[in-house]
Amino acid sequence: MTLLELKNISVSYGRIEAIHDMSFSVEEGEIVSLIGANGAGKSTTMKTISGILNPSAGSILFDGQDITKMKAHIRVIRGISQAPEGRGIFPGMTVMENLDMGAFGRKDRSNMGPDFERVFSLFPRLAERKTQVGGTMSGGEQQMLAIGRALMSNPRLLLLDEPSMGLAPQFIRQIFSIITEINQQGTTVLLVEQNANQALARAHRAFVLETGSITRSGTGRELLSDPAIKEAYLGVG
């Protein structure tokens, strides 16, 4: 079943068009990766899906419903949650307070115990640091907290924008392993990532963005073995 569909989306910053006539879909249960160079339009795409940016043309459907003009916080309630580029945690709040903020739109706030347990099962390090202030944690721990916070809204679609940015190699491997586990637990994932090797290795399907347009698509495995992708994004030529 198609969970997310972008139809002929264009997004502009003033006179500069960051995304041009983009169309793609995400099926329920998939991990879909968007890869591309800096400035290709990856983060703009994510912000448009989450409702932070408004498209100048085209439409966005989520679970068959047109959400193009829906406000960002309503999209969270409907089932779209994002861990943003740069993590965006609340630095003066504890781990527990950050996680609680992720559930702001839930009506069943008295029944969040299983969701806290899910996050602590995925990220045992957060369980050890429940009372630690977010701003004093390492980059990898903050990334875990950002993903955990996004999961607290119990989303159907999890948007992950550059989850490996600035992390040490051991944290990168751990984060991607956890992303796969989140997906196996039933959450659909749309992943924007500069680490193309990891992003493609984990993806069911993937799309390549260049200057605001999709130029290639296929399964993660197909794009991993594509000579042009290897040369441009994997450092193999």
Foldseek 3Di string as FASTA:
>chain_A
DWFKWWAQFWFADVPRIQAGGAIDTFRFLFEEEEEEDPSLCLQVVVCQQLAVGATPDTFMDGPRHTCRPPHNVVVLLVFEFEQHPVRPFDQQAFLQVSLLVLQVPDPVSVPQVVLVVVLCVLPVVSVVGRRPGLNVDDLLVSLSSSQSSRCSSVHQEYEYEASCPPHDPVSVVSVLVSVLVVSVVGHYYYYYHLLLVSSLVSGQKYFYGGSNYTDDIDHSVVLVPDPVSCVPRVVDD
